[in-house]
Amino acid sequence: MDKKIIEAEFLACAGLCINDFNYEKKDVLVLNCENEKLLEFLDKLHCNIYDTSGVKKDKFDLIIDLKNDTTKHFLEMIKRDSIVIINLANLESSINEALDSIKNADFNIKMPFKVADGYYLFLSNKFHPLSDICLQKIDMTESLKYYNAKIHEAAFAMPNYLKDALKGIAKN
């Protein structure tokens, strides 16, 4: 399976299949994205997609940044119930760097997850990626090749040594 498709489906659905999110017409800011499959998939879900070259909105429902590991400038760009997904240093080989990124994220809910070979950080002030997942949205999202509810749940599962390191930092 193409890793770009795996990443595209997971990042889009992890940010859009949460609780009261109706993914159509959501304003999504995508930054530092070299994955054209992610942009294609968001377009197929009928999202309004923005990037840094054409940002005309000031508040977004979802921000996905695939290179950045800081969130300080995102706080003024999100709505109260927005979700931010950023790149995260490898928790297994760069644990201190990853923990610093998680600690420095100024959000109530901070959940690291792993997709394919990459680590990411789910951030929100309202939604939890496991307790607020909307299973009906996943089941009704057409033409998914990889993503499903069990894959979503598994991506947020961490081995015990990482769970211990994340205690008090991430809400897992």
C-alpha atoms as a PDB file:
ATOM      1  CA  MET A   1       0.000   0.000   0.000  1.00  0.00           C
ATOM      2  CA  ASP A   2       1.242   3.466  -0.909  1.00  0.00           C
ATOM      3  CA  LYS A   3       2.428   5.323   2.234  1.00  0.00           C
ATOM      4  CA  LYS A   4       1.134   8.605   0.804  1.00  0.00           C
ATOM      5  CA  ILE A   5      -2.403   7.182   0.640  1.00  0.00           C
ATOM      6  CA  ILE A   6      -2.099   5.810   4.190  1.00  0.00           C
ATOM      7  CA  GLU A   7      -0.916   9.196   5.480  1.00  0.00           C
ATOM      8  CA  ALA A   8      -3.539  11.098   3.468  1.00  0.00           C
ATOM      9  CA  GLU A   9      -6.510   9.063   4.642  1.00  0.00           C
ATOM     10  CA  PHE A  10      -5.378   8.914   8.234  1.00  0.00           C
ATOM     11  CA  LEU A  11      -4.518  12.585   8.709  1.00  0.00           C
ATOM     12  CA  ALA A  12      -7.668  13.797   6.972  1.00  0.00           C
ATOM     13  CA  CYS A  13     -10.001  11.380   8.723  1.00  0.00           C
ATOM     14  CA  ALA A  14      -8.355  11.716  12.144  1.00  0.00           C
ATOM     15  CA  GLY A  15      -9.031  15.436  11.940  1.00  0.00           C
ATOM     16  CA  LEU A  16     -12.467  15.300  10.333  1.00  0.00           C
ATOM     17  CA  CYS A  17     -14.181  12.176  11.745  1.00  0.00           C
ATOM     18  CA  ILE A  18     -14.355  13.528  15.258  1.00  0.00           C
ATOM     19  CA  ASN A  19     -17.618  14.127  17.145  1.00  0.00           C
ATOM     20  CA  ASP A  20     -19.680  16.920  15.592  1.00  0.00           C
ATOM     21  CA  PHE A  21     -17.414  17.554  12.618  1.00  0.00           C
ATOM     22  CA  ASN A  22     -19.286  17.462   9.341  1.00  0.00           C
ATOM     23  CA  TYR A  23     -16.301  17.170   7.021  1.00  0.00           C
ATOM     24  CA  GLU A  24     -17.932  18.845   4.056  1.00  0.00           C
ATOM     25  CA  LYS A  25     -17.122  22.532   3.695  1.00  0.00           C
ATOM     26  CA  LYS A  26     -14.699  22.552   6.610  1.00  0.00           C
ATOM     27  CA  ASP A  27     -11.888  25.077   6.318  1.00  0.00           C
ATOM     28  CA  VAL A  28      -8.621  23.152   6.314  1.00  0.00           C
ATOM     29  CA  LEU A  29      -5.181  24.762   6.315  1.00  0.00           C
ATOM     30  CA  VAL A  30      -2.484  22.420   5.005  1.00  0.00           C
ATOM     31  CA  LEU A  31       1.112  23.496   5.493  1.00  0.00           C
ATOM     32  CA  ASN A  32       4.430  22.014   4.391  1.00  0.00           C
ATOM     33  CA  CYS A  33       2.696  19.234   2.523  1.00  0.00           C
ATOM     34  CA  GLU A  34       4.559  17.245  -0.072  1.00  0.00           C
ATOM     35  CA  ASN A  35       1.797  14.635  -0.146  1.00  0.00           C
ATOM     36  CA  GLU A  36      -0.468  15.405  -3.104  1.00  0.00           C
ATOM     37  CA  LYS A  37      -2.709  12.478  -2.061  1.00  0.00           C
ATOM     38  CA  LEU A  38      -3.651  14.368   1.119  1.00  0.00           C
ATOM     39  CA  LEU A  39      -4.772  17.397  -0.868  1.00  0.00           C
ATOM     40  CA  GLU A  40      -6.674  15.185  -3.330  1.00  0.00           C
ATOM     41  CA  PHE A  41      -8.410  13.325  -0.510  1.00  0.00           C
ATOM     42  CA  LEU A  42      -9.437  16.542   1.292  1.00  0.00           C
ATOM     43  CA  ASP A  43     -10.785  17.858  -1.993  1.00  0.00           C
ATOM     44  CA  LYS A  44     -12.767  14.646  -2.479  1.00  0.00           C
ATOM     45  CA  LEU A  45     -14.306  15.235   0.969  1.00  0.00           C
ATOM     46  CA  HIS A  46     -15.404  18.704  -0.246  1.00  0.00           C
ATOM     47  CA  CYS A  47     -13.271  20.650   2.246  1.00  0.00           C
ATOM     48  CA  ASN A  48     -12.175  24.219   1.612  1.00  0.00           C
ATOM     49  CA  ILE A  49      -8.407  23.774   1.379  1.00  0.00           C
ATOM     50  CA  TYR A  50      -5.956  26.595   2.038  1.00  0.00           C
ATOM     51  CA  ASP A  51      -2.172  26.832   2.042  1.00  0.00           C
ATOM     52  CA  THR A  52       0.226  29.612   2.937  1.00  0.00           C
ATOM     53  CA  SER A  53       0.205  31.059  -0.564  1.00  0.00           C
ATOM     54  CA  GLY A  54      -3.488  31.861  -0.523  1.00  0.00           C
ATOM     55  CA  VAL A  55      -4.568  32.194   3.083  1.00  0.00           C
ATOM     56  CA  LYS A  56      -7.536  34.519   3.180  1.00  0.00           C
ATOM     57  CA  LYS A  57      -9.256  33.009   6.206  1.00  0.00           C
ATOM     58  CA  ASP A  58      -8.237  33.726   9.726  1.00  0.00           C
ATOM     59  CA  LYS A  59      -9.918  30.782  11.522  1.00  0.00           C
ATOM     60  CA  PHE A  60      -9.687  27.139  10.509  1.00  0.00           C
ATOM     61  CA  ASP A  61     -11.497  23.947  11.520  1.00  0.00           C
ATOM     62  CA  LEU A  62      -8.434  21.783  10.904  1.00  0.00           C
ATOM     63  CA  ILE A  63      -4.761  22.597  10.484  1.00  0.00           C
ATOM     64  CA  ILE A  64      -2.341  19.938   9.231  1.00  0.00           C
ATOM     65  CA  ASP A  65       1.347  20.848   9.232  1.00  0.00           C
ATOM     66  CA  LEU A  66       3.645  18.058   8.089  1.00  0.00           C
ATOM     67  CA  LYS A  67       6.986  19.711   8.842  1.00  0.00           C
ATOM     68  CA  ASN A  68       6.407  21.917  11.833  1.00  0.00           C
ATOM     69  CA  ASP A  69       6.758  20.725  15.399  1.00  0.00           C
ATOM     70  CA  THR A  70       5.603  23.897  17.114  1.00  0.00           C
ATOM     71  CA  THR A  71       2.082  25.216  17.537  1.00  0.00           C
ATOM     72  CA  LYS A  72       2.510  28.701  18.982  1.00  0.00           C
ATOM     73  CA  HIS A  73       1.289  30.554  15.877  1.00  0.00           C
ATOM     74  CA  PHE A  74      -1.720  28.244  15.412  1.00  0.00           C
ATOM     75  CA  LEU A  75      -3.611  29.418  18.496  1.00  0.00           C
ATOM     76  CA  GLU A  76      -4.765  32.617  16.815  1.00  0.00           C
ATOM     77  CA  MET A  77      -5.734  30.734  13.634  1.00  0.00           C
ATOM     78  CA  ILE A  78      -8.178  28.224  15.095  1.00  0.00           C
ATOM     79  CA  LYS A  79     -11.769  28.156  16.243  1.00  0.00           C
ATOM     80  CA  ARG A  80     -12.660  26.995  19.746  1.00  0.00           C
ATOM     81  CA  ASP A  81     -13.358  23.455  18.580  1.00  0.00           C
ATOM     82  CA  SER A  82     -10.600  23.117  15.969  1.00  0.00           C
ATOM     83  CA  ILE A  83      -8.104  20.306  15.590  1.00  0.00           C
ATOM     84  CA  VAL A  84      -4.417  20.695  14.773  1.00  0.00           C
ATOM     85  CA  ILE A  85      -2.211  17.847  13.554  1.00  0.00           C
ATOM     86  CA  ILE A  86       1.530  18.408  13.360  1.00  0.00           C
ATOM     87  CA  ASN A  87       4.598  16.395  12.605  1.00  0.00           C
ATOM     88  CA  LEU A  88       6.294  14.934  15.689  1.00  0.00           C
ATOM     89  CA  ALA A  89       9.834  13.721  16.207  1.00  0.00           C
ATOM     90  CA  ASN A  90      10.174   9.951  16.383  1.00  0.00           C
ATOM     91  CA  LEU A  91       9.079   8.953  19.880  1.00  0.00           C
ATOM     92  CA  GLU A  92      11.313   5.896  19.833  1.00  0.00           C
ATOM     93  CA  SER A  93      14.583   7.417  18.635  1.00  0.00           C
ATOM     94  CA  SER A  94      14.141  11.105  19.622  1.00  0.00           C
ATOM     95  CA  ILE A  95      11.989  10.821  22.732  1.00  0.00           C
ATOM     96  CA  ASN A  96      13.265  13.978  24.459  1.00  0.00           C
ATOM     97  CA  GLU A  97      12.686  16.110  21.349  1.00  0.00           C
ATOM     98  CA  ALA A  98       9.190  14.631  20.926  1.00  0.00           C
ATOM     99  CA  LEU A  99       8.349  15.148  24.617  1.00  0.00           C
ATOM    100  CA  ASP A 100       9.470  18.790  24.394  1.00  0.00           C
ATOM    101  CA  SER A 101       7.174  19.357  21.404  1.00  0.00           C
ATOM    102  CA  ILE A 102       4.257  17.790  23.245  1.00  0.00           C
ATOM    103  CA  LYS A 103       4.921  19.750  26.457  1.00  0.00           C
ATOM    104  CA  ASN A 104       5.233  23.034  24.540  1.00  0.00           C
ATOM    105  CA  ALA A 105       1.951  22.606  22.658  1.00  0.00           C
ATOM    106  CA  ASP A 106      -0.539  24.955  24.289  1.00  0.00           C
ATOM    107  CA  PHE A 107      -3.607  22.727  23.934  1.00  0.00           C
ATOM    108  CA  ASN A 108      -5.722  20.837  26.477  1.00  0.00           C
ATOM    109  CA  ILE A 109      -5.642  17.548  24.582  1.00  0.00           C
ATOM    110  CA  LYS A 110      -2.305  16.312  23.223  1.00  0.00           C
ATOM    111  CA  MET A 111      -2.181  12.838  21.733  1.00  0.00           C
ATOM    112  CA  PRO A 112       0.779  11.437  19.806  1.00  0.00           C
ATOM    113  CA  PHE A 113       0.132   8.773  17.191  1.00  0.00           C
ATOM    114  CA  LYS A 114       2.019   6.750  14.621  1.00  0.00           C
ATOM    115  CA  VAL A 115       1.034   6.253  10.999  1.00  0.00           C
ATOM    116  CA  ALA A 116       3.249   4.203   8.695  1.00  0.00           C
ATOM    117  CA  ASP A 117       6.767   5.354   9.622  1.00  0.00           C
ATOM    118  CA  GLY A 118       5.812   8.809  10.891  1.00  0.00           C
ATOM    119  CA  TYR A 119       4.828  10.233  14.251  1.00  0.00           C
ATOM    120  CA  TYR A 120       2.244  12.994  14.553  1.00  0.00           C
ATOM    121  CA  LEU A 121       0.578  14.968  17.310  1.00  0.00           C
ATOM    122  CA  PHE A 122      -3.202  15.439  17.534  1.00  0.00           C
ATOM    123  CA  LEU A 123      -4.068  18.671  19.341  1.00  0.00           C
ATOM    124  CA  SER A 124      -7.397  20.114  20.417  1.00  0.00           C
ATOM    125  CA  ASN A 125      -8.952  22.140  23.185  1.00  0.00           C
ATOM    126  CA  LYS A 126     -12.246  20.262  22.917  1.00  0.00           C
ATOM    127  CA  PHE A 127     -12.025  16.891  21.185  1.00  0.00           C
ATOM    128  CA  HIS A 128     -10.218  13.710  22.195  1.00  0.00           C
ATOM    129  CA  PRO A 129      -9.220  11.542  19.209  1.00  0.00           C
ATOM    130  CA  LEU A 130     -10.424   8.308  20.833  1.00  0.00           C
ATOM    131  CA  SER A 131     -13.427   9.225  22.955  1.00  0.00           C
ATOM    132  CA  ASP A 132     -14.903  11.662  20.401  1.00  0.00           C
ATOM    133  CA  ILE A 133     -14.453   9.627  17.225  1.00  0.00           C
ATOM    134  CA  CYS A 134     -17.587   9.417  15.091  1.00  0.00           C
ATOM    135  CA  LEU A 135     -17.811   5.852  13.836  1.00  0.00           C
ATOM    136  CA  GLN A 136     -20.693   6.630  11.452  1.00  0.00           C
ATOM    137  CA  LYS A 137     -18.549   9.164   9.604  1.00  0.00           C
ATOM    138  CA  ILE A 138     -15.804   6.616   9.112  1.00  0.00           C
ATOM    139  CA  ASP A 139     -18.279   4.010   7.870  1.00  0.00           C
ATOM    140  CA  MET A 140     -19.907   6.481   5.492  1.00  0.00           C
ATOM    141  CA  THR A 141     -16.712   7.965   4.058  1.00  0.00           C
ATOM    142  CA  GLU A 142     -16.530   6.526   0.574  1.00  0.00           C
ATOM    143  CA  SER A 143     -13.590   4.829  -1.104  1.00  0.00           C
ATOM    144  CA  LEU A 144     -11.299   4.475   1.905  1.00  0.00           C
ATOM    145  CA  LYS A 145      -8.477   2.107   1.029  1.00  0.00           C
ATOM    146  CA  TYR A 146      -6.727   2.032   4.407  1.00  0.00           C
ATOM    147  CA  TYR A 147      -8.394   3.970   7.213  1.00  0.00           C
ATOM    148  CA  ASN A 148     -10.991   2.462   9.538  1.00  0.00           C
ATOM    149  CA  ALA A 149     -11.978   2.777  13.200  1.00  0.00           C
ATOM    150  CA  LYS A 150      -9.706  -0.036  14.416  1.00  0.00           C
ATOM    151  CA  ILE A 151      -6.690   1.431  12.562  1.00  0.00           C
ATOM    152  CA  HIS A 152      -7.500   4.821  14.129  1.00  0.00           C
ATOM    153  CA  GLU A 153      -7.575   3.355  17.624  1.00  0.00           C
ATOM    154  CA  ALA A 154      -4.395   1.339  17.072  1.00  0.00           C
ATOM    155  CA  ALA A 155      -2.423   4.369  15.858  1.00  0.00           C
ATOM    156  CA  PHE A 156      -2.891   6.060  19.248  1.00  0.00           C
ATOM    157  CA  ALA A 157      -1.839   2.954  21.217  1.00  0.00           C
ATOM    158  CA  MET A 158       1.660   3.256  22.662  1.00  0.00           C
ATOM    159  CA  PRO A 159       3.896   0.587  24.168  1.00  0.00           C
ATOM    160  CA  ASN A 160       4.179   0.745  27.956  1.00  0.00           C
ATOM    161  CA  TYR A 161       7.599   2.416  28.012  1.00  0.00           C
ATOM    162  CA  LEU A 162       6.217   5.287  25.879  1.00  0.00           C
ATOM    163  CA  LYS A 163       2.970   5.434  27.860  1.00  0.00           C
ATOM    164  CA  ASP A 164       5.071   5.848  31.000  1.00  0.00           C
ATOM    165  CA  ALA A 165       7.161   8.604  29.392  1.00  0.00           C
ATOM    166  CA  LEU A 166       3.980  10.383  28.256  1.00  0.00           C
ATOM    167  CA  LYS A 167       2.236  10.211  31.650  1.00  0.00           C
ATOM    168  CA  GLY A 168       1.181  13.678  32.733  1.00  0.00           C
ATOM    169  CA  ILE A 169       2.065  15.121  29.314  1.00  0.00           C
ATOM    170  CA  ALA A 170      -0.359  13.492  26.885  1.00  0.00           C
ATOM    171  CA  LYS A 171      -3.958  12.533  27.575  1.00  0.00           C
ATOM    172  CA  ASN A 172      -3.827   8.876  26.615  1.00  0.00           C
END
